[in-house]
C-alpha atoms as a PDB file:
ATOM      1  CA  MET A   1      55.429  35.719 122.643  1.00  0.00           C
ATOM      2  CA  ALA A   2      58.944  37.018 122.366  1.00  0.00           C
ATOM      3  CA  LYS A   3      60.503  38.668 119.444  1.00  0.00           C
ATOM      4  CA  LEU A   4      64.132  38.399 118.353  1.00  0.00           C
ATOM      5  CA  ILE A   5      65.483  41.238 115.917  1.00  0.00           C
ATOM      6  CA  PHE A   6      68.569  40.491 113.706  1.00  0.00           C
ATOM      7  CA  ASP A   7      70.388  44.133 113.207  1.00  0.00           C
ATOM      8  CA  THR A   8      72.596  42.664 110.455  1.00  0.00           C
ATOM      9  CA  THR A   9      69.378  41.860 108.306  1.00  0.00           C
ATOM     10  CA  GLY A  10      66.453  43.538 110.127  1.00  0.00           C
ATOM     11  CA  ASP A  11      64.617  40.147 110.240  1.00  0.00           C
ATOM     12  CA  GLU A  12      62.505  39.743 112.963  1.00  0.00           C
ATOM     13  CA  VAL A  13      61.377  36.419 114.238  1.00  0.00           C
ATOM     14  CA  GLU A  14      58.437  35.556 116.934  1.00  0.00           C
ATOM     15  CA  LEU A  15      59.666  32.836 119.600  1.00  0.00           C
ATOM     16  CA  ALA A  16      57.493  31.320 122.604  1.00  0.00           C
ATOM     17  CA  ASP A  17      58.479  32.681 125.837  1.00  0.00           C
ATOM     18  CA  GLY A  18      61.381  30.686 127.178  1.00  0.00           C
ATOM     19  CA  ALA A  19      62.404  29.262 123.809  1.00  0.00           C
ATOM     20  CA  SER A  20      66.059  28.878 122.644  1.00  0.00           C
ATOM     21  CA  ILE A  21      67.177  31.204 120.120  1.00  0.00           C
ATOM     22  CA  SER A  22      69.764  28.836 118.506  1.00  0.00           C
ATOM     23  CA  ASP A  23      67.216  27.484 115.659  1.00  0.00           C
ATOM     24  CA  ALA A  24      66.160  31.017 114.557  1.00  0.00           C
ATOM     25  CA  CYS A  25      69.950  32.396 114.632  1.00  0.00           C
ATOM     26  CA  GLU A  26      71.024  29.442 112.597  1.00  0.00           C
ATOM     27  CA  GLU A  27      68.379  30.327 109.916  1.00  0.00           C
ATOM     28  CA  ALA A  28      69.384  33.673 109.946  1.00  0.00           C
ATOM     29  CA  GLY A  29      73.008  32.765 109.264  1.00  0.00           C
ATOM     30  CA  VAL A  30      74.939  32.833 112.644  1.00  0.00           C
ATOM     31  CA  PRO A  31      77.538  30.141 112.369  1.00  0.00           C
ATOM     32  CA  PHE A  32      77.437  27.458 114.538  1.00  0.00           C
ATOM     33  CA  ALA A  33      80.082  24.255 115.062  1.00  0.00           C
ATOM     34  CA  CYS A  34      79.675  22.471 118.437  1.00  0.00           C
ATOM     35  CA  THR A  35      76.416  23.825 119.848  1.00  0.00           C
ATOM     36  CA  GLU A  36      77.494  23.012 123.537  1.00  0.00           C
ATOM     37  CA  GLY A  37      78.998  26.393 124.509  1.00  0.00           C
ATOM     38  CA  VAL A  38      82.556  25.367 123.973  1.00  0.00           C
ATOM     39  CA  CYS A  39      83.860  26.416 120.323  1.00  0.00           C
ATOM     40  CA  GLY A  40      82.301  30.342 120.507  1.00  0.00           C
ATOM     41  CA  THR A  41      81.604  29.919 116.732  1.00  0.00           C
ATOM     42  CA  CYS A  42      78.025  31.553 117.486  1.00  0.00           C
ATOM     43  CA  VAL A  43      78.876  34.503 119.451  1.00  0.00           C
ATOM     44  CA  ILE A  44      76.469  37.150 119.041  1.00  0.00           C
ATOM     45  CA  GLU A  45      76.361  40.929 120.533  1.00  0.00           C
ATOM     46  CA  VAL A  46      73.355  41.975 122.275  1.00  0.00           C
ATOM     47  CA  LEU A  47      72.213  45.615 121.238  1.00  0.00           C
ATOM     48  CA  GLU A  48      68.942  45.677 123.118  1.00  0.00           C
ATOM     49  CA  GLY A  49      67.256  43.605 125.843  1.00  0.00           C
ATOM     50  CA  LYS A  50      69.761  41.614 127.274  1.00  0.00           C
ATOM     51  CA  GLU A  51      67.615  41.317 130.354  1.00  0.00           C
ATOM     52  CA  ASN A  52      65.350  39.391 128.329  1.00  0.00           C
ATOM     53  CA  LEU A  53      67.567  36.621 127.998  1.00  0.00           C
ATOM     54  CA  SER A  54      68.474  33.915 130.249  1.00  0.00           C
ATOM     55  CA  SER A  55      71.442  34.464 132.561  1.00  0.00           C
ATOM     56  CA  PRO A  56      74.627  33.415 130.964  1.00  0.00           C
ATOM     57  CA  THR A  57      75.379  29.668 131.442  1.00  0.00           C
ATOM     58  CA  GLU A  58      78.603  28.593 133.012  1.00  0.00           C
ATOM     59  CA  GLU A  59      80.074  27.821 129.583  1.00  0.00           C
ATOM     60  CA  GLU A  60      79.342  31.153 128.252  1.00  0.00           C
ATOM     61  CA  MET A  61      81.066  32.592 131.320  1.00  0.00           C
ATOM     62  CA  ASP A  62      84.212  30.450 130.949  1.00  0.00           C
ATOM     63  CA  PHE A  63      84.392  31.341 127.283  1.00  0.00           C
ATOM     64  CA  LEU A  64      83.314  35.463 127.279  1.00  0.00           C
ATOM     65  CA  GLY A  65      84.834  36.256 130.853  1.00  0.00           C
ATOM     66  CA  ASP A  66      83.347  39.897 131.369  1.00  0.00           C
ATOM     67  CA  ASP A  67      81.902  40.003 128.216  1.00  0.00           C
ATOM     68  CA  ALA A  68      79.045  37.747 129.077  1.00  0.00           C
ATOM     69  CA  GLY A  69      76.032  39.915 128.767  1.00  0.00           C
ATOM     70  CA  GLU A  70      77.079  42.224 126.232  1.00  0.00           C
ATOM     71  CA  GLU A  71      78.061  39.242 123.828  1.00  0.00           C
ATOM     72  CA  ARG A  72      76.399  35.696 124.329  1.00  0.00           C
ATOM     73  CA  LEU A  73      76.806  32.430 122.775  1.00  0.00           C
ATOM     74  CA  ALA A  74      73.383  32.015 120.722  1.00  0.00           C
ATOM     75  CA  CYS A  75      73.491  27.895 121.344  1.00  0.00           C
ATOM     76  CA  GLN A  76      73.058  28.784 125.332  1.00  0.00           C
ATOM     77  CA  CYS A  77      70.456  31.529 125.232  1.00  0.00           C
ATOM     78  CA  LYS A  78      67.164  31.521 125.720  1.00  0.00           C
ATOM     79  CA  ILE A  79      64.853  34.326 125.363  1.00  0.00           C
ATOM     80  CA  LEU A  80      62.271  34.745 128.273  1.00  0.00           C
ATOM     81  CA  SER A  81      60.146  37.427 126.905  1.00  0.00           C
ATOM     82  CA  GLY A  82      59.873  40.731 125.356  1.00  0.00           C
ATOM     83  CA  THR A  83      62.150  41.964 122.405  1.00  0.00           C
ATOM     84  CA  VAL A  84      65.735  41.341 121.756  1.00  0.00           C
ATOM     85  CA  LYS A  85      67.839  42.882 119.338  1.00  0.00           C
ATOM     86  CA  ILE A  86      71.298  41.041 118.182  1.00  0.00           C
ATOM     87  CA  ARG A  87      74.013  41.376 115.588  1.00  0.00           C
ATOM     88  CA  PHE A  88      76.432  38.615 114.327  1.00  0.00           C
END
């Protein structure tokens, strides 16, 4: 099981390895609009554990450019394992 920590609220959520983080982020208050990586509404800052997330998608690279990695789109991320701490 992987763990997603929300710096903003201090909440921690356990997720299956390889799971999308979008539902957990939405429940925590991250705003979503298109859910397809186009609008950028769900930008999050990865504070710790970016190596535990899936690689940035083409949509993230197009939207975030060089910031992909430090910032991610919550609708596009999967948590591979371990712990990831984010801020929104």
